[in-house]
Amino acid sequence: METILQYIPAVLSAILLAVLILMVITNIIVEVVKKLTWDKVPTNLLAFIVAMAVTLLAFFAVCRILAVHIVWYMVAAAIGLGFFVAFAAMFGWDKFRQMLEQITRLENRKE
């Protein structure tokens, strides 16, 4: 007998993988566009717009490829996922870089 609980780990890992891939794509696009706009647009706003666009494009592409009928709550979930991607793109990389700098400072103190 199959239950929905059996699918939760697979679905969560697929969602986390999607967020990671979309975040990397968002970061790459933001870095390129940021150079083209000469810093006229705030980077966080640009990251948010790009994250939403990339997430929604990916969502509609996957639904089209898998021939899934799109319902309003699926679009709402994709928009929610876009917020996660935007948050990860805006703050994830900065926090990761900050952590690496702290680790190298600790290693330099030990020497």
N, C-alpha and C. Protein backbone atom coordinates (compact mmCIF):
# COMPACT_ATOMS: atom_id res chain seq x y z
N MET A 1 0.84 -1.18 0.00
CA MET A 1 0.00 0.00 0.00
C MET A 1 0.88 1.25 0.00
N GLU A 2 0.67 2.08 -0.96
CA GLU A 2 1.48 3.29 -1.07
C GLU A 2 0.79 4.46 -0.38
N THR A 3 1.59 5.26 0.29
CA THR A 3 1.07 6.47 0.92
C THR A 3 1.85 7.66 0.40
N ILE A 4 1.29 8.81 0.64
CA ILE A 4 1.95 10.04 0.18
C ILE A 4 3.25 10.27 0.94
N LEU A 5 3.37 9.74 2.15
CA LEU A 5 4.58 9.92 2.95
C LEU A 5 5.80 9.31 2.30
N GLN A 6 5.61 8.30 1.46
CA GLN A 6 6.74 7.66 0.79
C GLN A 6 7.37 8.58 -0.25
N TYR A 7 6.61 9.51 -0.77
CA TYR A 7 7.11 10.39 -1.83
C TYR A 7 7.71 11.69 -1.31
N ILE A 8 7.53 11.99 -0.04
CA ILE A 8 8.00 13.27 0.50
C ILE A 8 9.52 13.44 0.37
N PRO A 9 10.35 12.47 0.73
CA PRO A 9 11.80 12.67 0.57
C PRO A 9 12.22 12.91 -0.88
N ALA A 10 11.63 12.20 -1.81
CA ALA A 10 11.98 12.39 -3.22
C ALA A 10 11.54 13.76 -3.72
N VAL A 11 10.36 14.19 -3.32
CA VAL A 11 9.86 15.50 -3.75
C VAL A 11 10.70 16.62 -3.13
N LEU A 12 11.03 16.51 -1.85
CA LEU A 12 11.84 17.54 -1.20
C LEU A 12 13.23 17.63 -1.82
N SER A 13 13.84 16.50 -2.12
CA SER A 13 15.16 16.56 -2.74
C SER A 13 15.09 17.14 -4.14
N ALA A 14 14.02 16.86 -4.88
CA ALA A 14 13.86 17.45 -6.21
C ALA A 14 13.65 18.96 -6.12
N ILE A 15 12.90 19.41 -5.13
CA ILE A 15 12.67 20.85 -4.96
C ILE A 15 13.96 21.55 -4.57
N LEU A 16 14.74 20.96 -3.66
CA LEU A 16 16.01 21.57 -3.26
C LEU A 16 16.99 21.62 -4.42
N LEU A 17 17.01 20.57 -5.24
CA LEU A 17 17.87 20.57 -6.43
C LEU A 17 17.42 21.65 -7.41
N ALA A 18 16.12 21.80 -7.59
CA ALA A 18 15.60 22.85 -8.48
C ALA A 18 15.98 24.23 -7.97
N VAL A 19 15.87 24.46 -6.67
CA VAL A 19 16.24 25.76 -6.09
C VAL A 19 17.72 26.02 -6.32
N LEU A 20 18.55 25.01 -6.13
CA LEU A 20 19.99 25.18 -6.33
C LEU A 20 20.31 25.54 -7.78
N ILE A 21 19.74 24.82 -8.71
CA ILE A 21 20.00 25.08 -10.13
C ILE A 21 19.48 26.46 -10.53
N LEU A 22 18.26 26.78 -10.10
CA LEU A 22 17.69 28.09 -10.43
C LEU A 22 18.47 29.23 -9.78
N MET A 23 19.00 28.99 -8.58
CA MET A 23 19.80 30.01 -7.90
C MET A 23 21.10 30.27 -8.66
N VAL A 24 21.75 29.22 -9.12
CA VAL A 24 22.99 29.40 -9.87
C VAL A 24 22.73 30.15 -11.18
N ILE A 25 21.67 29.76 -11.88
CA ILE A 25 21.31 30.45 -13.12
C ILE A 25 21.00 31.92 -12.84
N THR A 26 20.25 32.17 -11.77
CA THR A 26 19.92 33.54 -11.39
C THR A 26 21.17 34.35 -11.09
N ASN A 27 22.10 33.78 -10.33
CA ASN A 27 23.33 34.49 -10.00
C ASN A 27 24.15 34.82 -11.24
N ILE A 28 24.22 33.90 -12.19
CA ILE A 28 24.98 34.14 -13.41
C ILE A 28 24.34 35.26 -14.22
N ILE A 29 23.02 35.19 -14.40
CA ILE A 29 22.32 36.23 -15.17
C ILE A 29 22.45 37.59 -14.49
N VAL A 30 22.31 37.63 -13.18
CA VAL A 30 22.40 38.90 -12.45
C VAL A 30 23.80 39.50 -12.61
N GLU A 31 24.83 38.69 -12.52
CA GLU A 31 26.19 39.22 -12.66
C GLU A 31 26.41 39.80 -14.06
N VAL A 32 25.89 39.14 -15.08
CA VAL A 32 26.06 39.64 -16.44
C VAL A 32 25.25 40.92 -16.65
N VAL A 33 23.99 40.91 -16.22
CA VAL A 33 23.13 42.08 -16.42
C VAL A 33 23.61 43.26 -15.58
N LYS A 34 24.16 42.96 -14.40
CA LYS A 34 24.66 44.03 -13.53
C LYS A 34 25.81 44.78 -14.22
N LYS A 35 26.63 44.07 -14.95
CA LYS A 35 27.72 44.73 -15.68
C LYS A 35 27.17 45.58 -16.82
N LEU A 36 26.07 45.13 -17.43
CA LEU A 36 25.50 45.87 -18.56
C LEU A 36 24.73 47.11 -18.13
N THR A 37 24.13 47.09 -16.94
CA THR A 37 23.33 48.23 -16.49
C THR A 37 24.16 49.27 -15.75
N TRP A 38 25.44 49.01 -15.56
CA TRP A 38 26.34 49.95 -14.89
C TRP A 38 25.81 50.36 -13.53
N ASP A 39 25.28 49.41 -12.81
CA ASP A 39 24.80 49.63 -11.43
C ASP A 39 23.70 50.69 -11.32
N LYS A 40 22.88 50.85 -12.36
CA LYS A 40 21.75 51.79 -12.30
C LYS A 40 20.54 51.16 -11.62
N VAL A 41 20.48 49.83 -11.61
CA VAL A 41 19.38 49.11 -10.98
C VAL A 41 19.92 48.47 -9.70
N PRO A 42 19.20 48.60 -8.58
CA PRO A 42 19.66 47.94 -7.35
C PRO A 42 19.79 46.42 -7.56
N THR A 43 20.87 45.88 -7.07
CA THR A 43 21.18 44.47 -7.32
C THR A 43 20.13 43.54 -6.73
N ASN A 44 19.62 43.85 -5.55
CA ASN A 44 18.60 42.98 -4.95
C ASN A 44 17.31 42.97 -5.76
N LEU A 45 16.92 44.12 -6.28
CA LEU A 45 15.73 44.18 -7.14
C LEU A 45 15.96 43.40 -8.42
N LEU A 46 17.13 43.56 -9.00
CA LEU A 46 17.47 42.82 -10.21
C LEU A 46 17.47 41.32 -9.95
N ALA A 47 18.02 40.90 -8.82
CA ALA A 47 18.04 39.47 -8.47
C ALA A 47 16.63 38.94 -8.28
N PHE A 48 15.76 39.74 -7.67
CA PHE A 48 14.38 39.30 -7.46
C PHE A 48 13.65 39.14 -8.79
N ILE A 49 13.79 40.11 -9.68
CA ILE A 49 13.11 40.04 -10.97
C ILE A 49 13.62 38.86 -11.79
N VAL A 50 14.94 38.69 -11.82
CA VAL A 50 15.53 37.59 -12.58
C VAL A 50 15.12 36.25 -11.98
N ALA A 51 15.11 36.14 -10.66
CA ALA A 51 14.72 34.88 -10.02
C ALA A 51 13.28 34.51 -10.34
N MET A 52 12.39 35.49 -10.29
CA MET A 52 10.99 35.22 -10.63
C MET A 52 10.85 34.80 -12.09
N ALA A 53 11.53 35.51 -12.97
CA ALA A 53 11.43 35.19 -14.40
C ALA A 53 11.99 33.80 -14.69
N VAL A 54 13.14 33.49 -14.14
CA VAL A 54 13.77 32.19 -14.38
C VAL A 54 12.91 31.07 -13.80
N THR A 55 12.40 31.27 -12.60
CA THR A 55 11.58 30.23 -11.95
C THR A 55 10.29 29.98 -12.72
N LEU A 56 9.61 31.05 -13.11
CA LEU A 56 8.35 30.87 -13.84
C LEU A 56 8.59 30.27 -15.23
N LEU A 57 9.65 30.70 -15.90
CA LEU A 57 9.97 30.10 -17.20
C LEU A 57 10.28 28.61 -17.06
N ALA A 58 11.04 28.26 -16.04
CA ALA A 58 11.36 26.85 -15.82
C ALA A 58 10.10 26.05 -15.48
N PHE A 59 9.22 26.64 -14.67
CA PHE A 59 7.97 25.96 -14.31
C PHE A 59 7.11 25.69 -15.53
N PHE A 60 6.90 26.72 -16.35
CA PHE A 60 6.07 26.53 -17.54
C PHE A 60 6.72 25.58 -18.54
N ALA A 61 8.04 25.61 -18.63
CA ALA A 61 8.73 24.69 -19.54
C ALA A 61 8.57 23.24 -19.08
N VAL A 62 8.73 22.99 -17.79
CA VAL A 62 8.57 21.63 -17.27
C VAL A 62 7.14 21.15 -17.45
N CYS A 63 6.17 22.03 -17.17
CA CYS A 63 4.77 21.64 -17.36
C CYS A 63 4.48 21.33 -18.83
N ARG A 64 5.07 22.09 -19.72
CA ARG A 64 4.86 21.85 -21.15
C ARG A 64 5.51 20.53 -21.58
N ILE A 65 6.73 20.28 -21.10
CA ILE A 65 7.44 19.05 -21.48
C ILE A 65 6.73 17.82 -20.94
N LEU A 66 6.25 17.89 -19.69
CA LEU A 66 5.59 16.74 -19.07
C LEU A 66 4.10 16.69 -19.37
N ALA A 67 3.59 17.65 -20.13
CA ALA A 67 2.17 17.73 -20.50
C ALA A 67 1.27 17.76 -19.26
N VAL A 68 1.65 18.59 -18.32
CA VAL A 68 0.88 18.75 -17.08
C VAL A 68 -0.09 19.91 -17.26
N HIS A 69 -1.33 19.68 -16.89
CA HIS A 69 -2.35 20.74 -16.94
C HIS A 69 -2.07 21.72 -15.81
N ILE A 70 -1.90 22.99 -16.13
CA ILE A 70 -1.53 24.00 -15.14
C ILE A 70 -2.79 24.51 -14.44
N VAL A 71 -2.74 24.50 -13.11
CA VAL A 71 -3.82 24.97 -12.27
C VAL A 71 -3.29 26.17 -11.47
N TRP A 72 -4.17 27.03 -11.02
CA TRP A 72 -3.76 28.28 -10.37
C TRP A 72 -2.85 28.06 -9.17
N TYR A 73 -3.09 27.02 -8.39
CA TYR A 73 -2.27 26.82 -7.19
C TYR A 73 -0.87 26.34 -7.55
N MET A 74 -0.69 25.76 -8.73
CA MET A 74 0.65 25.40 -9.18
C MET A 74 1.45 26.66 -9.52
N VAL A 75 0.80 27.63 -10.12
CA VAL A 75 1.46 28.90 -10.43
C VAL A 75 1.80 29.63 -9.12
N ALA A 76 0.89 29.58 -8.15
CA ALA A 76 1.16 30.19 -6.85
C ALA A 76 2.36 29.52 -6.17
N ALA A 77 2.45 28.19 -6.29
CA ALA A 77 3.59 27.48 -5.72
C ALA A 77 4.88 27.85 -6.44
N ALA A 78 4.81 28.04 -7.76
CA ALA A 78 6.00 28.45 -8.52
C ALA A 78 6.44 29.85 -8.11
N ILE A 79 5.48 30.74 -7.85
CA ILE A 79 5.83 32.08 -7.38
C ILE A 79 6.48 32.00 -6.00
N GLY A 80 5.94 31.14 -5.14
CA GLY A 80 6.56 30.93 -3.83
C GLY A 80 7.97 30.38 -3.95
N LEU A 81 8.17 29.46 -4.87
CA LEU A 81 9.50 28.92 -5.12
C LEU A 81 10.42 30.02 -5.64
N GLY A 82 9.87 30.94 -6.44
CA GLY A 82 10.64 32.08 -6.93
C GLY A 82 11.16 32.96 -5.79
N PHE A 83 10.35 33.12 -4.74
CA PHE A 83 10.81 33.88 -3.57
C PHE A 83 11.99 33.17 -2.90
N PHE A 84 11.92 31.85 -2.78
CA PHE A 84 13.03 31.10 -2.20
C PHE A 84 14.29 31.23 -3.05
N VAL A 85 14.13 31.16 -4.36
CA VAL A 85 15.27 31.30 -5.27
C VAL A 85 15.86 32.70 -5.15
N ALA A 86 15.01 33.71 -5.11
CA ALA A 86 15.49 35.09 -4.97
C ALA A 86 16.22 35.28 -3.65
N PHE A 87 15.67 34.76 -2.58
CA PHE A 87 16.32 34.87 -1.27
C PHE A 87 17.67 34.18 -1.28
N ALA A 88 17.72 32.97 -1.83
CA ALA A 88 18.98 32.24 -1.89
C ALA A 88 19.98 32.95 -2.77
N ALA A 89 19.53 33.53 -3.87
CA ALA A 89 20.43 34.22 -4.78
C ALA A 89 20.96 35.52 -4.15
N MET A 90 20.11 36.22 -3.41
CA MET A 90 20.53 37.49 -2.82
C MET A 90 21.43 37.30 -1.62
N PHE A 91 21.09 36.36 -0.76
CA PHE A 91 21.79 36.26 0.51
C PHE A 91 22.66 35.02 0.64
N GLY A 92 22.36 33.99 -0.10
CA GLY A 92 23.11 32.74 0.04
C GLY A 92 24.56 32.88 -0.35
N TRP A 93 24.83 33.51 -1.48
CA TRP A 93 26.21 33.63 -1.96
C TRP A 93 27.02 34.54 -1.04
N ASP A 94 26.42 35.65 -0.59
CA ASP A 94 27.13 36.56 0.30
C ASP A 94 27.47 35.88 1.62
N LYS A 95 26.54 35.13 2.16
CA LYS A 95 26.80 34.42 3.42
C LYS A 95 27.86 33.34 3.23
N PHE A 96 27.82 32.65 2.09
CA PHE A 96 28.81 31.62 1.80
C PHE A 96 30.20 32.23 1.70
N ARG A 97 30.31 33.36 0.99
CA ARG A 97 31.60 34.04 0.86
C ARG A 97 32.09 34.54 2.21
N GLN A 98 31.17 35.07 3.02
CA GLN A 98 31.53 35.55 4.35
C GLN A 98 32.04 34.41 5.22
N MET A 99 31.40 33.24 5.11
CA MET A 99 31.84 32.08 5.87
C MET A 99 33.24 31.65 5.45
N LEU A 100 33.51 31.64 4.15
CA LEU A 100 34.84 31.27 3.67
C LEU A 100 35.90 32.25 4.17
N GLU A 101 35.58 33.54 4.17
CA GLU A 101 36.52 34.53 4.68
C GLU A 101 36.79 34.32 6.16
N GLN A 102 35.77 33.98 6.93
CA GLN A 102 35.96 33.73 8.36
C GLN A 102 36.82 32.49 8.59
N ILE A 103 36.63 31.48 7.77
CA ILE A 103 37.43 30.26 7.91
C ILE A 103 38.89 30.54 7.59
N THR A 104 39.15 31.31 6.53
CA THR A 104 40.54 31.63 6.19
C THR A 104 41.18 32.51 7.26
N ARG A 105 40.40 33.40 7.87
CA ARG A 105 40.95 34.21 8.97
C ARG A 105 41.30 33.33 10.16
N LEU A 106 40.47 32.33 10.46
CA LEU A 106 40.78 31.42 11.57
C LEU A 106 42.02 30.59 11.27
N GLU A 107 42.16 30.15 10.03
CA GLU A 107 43.34 29.37 9.66
C GLU A 107 44.60 30.22 9.73
N ASN A 108 44.51 31.49 9.38
CA ASN A 108 45.67 32.39 9.44
C ASN A 108 46.07 32.66 10.88
N ARG A 109 45.13 32.68 11.79
CA ARG A 109 45.45 32.88 13.21
C ARG A 109 46.21 31.69 13.78
N LYS A 110 45.85 30.49 13.33
CA LYS A 110 46.49 29.29 13.85
C LYS A 110 47.94 29.19 13.42
N GLU A 111 48.27 29.77 12.29
CA GLU A 111 49.66 29.68 11.79
C GLU A 111 50.59 30.62 12.43
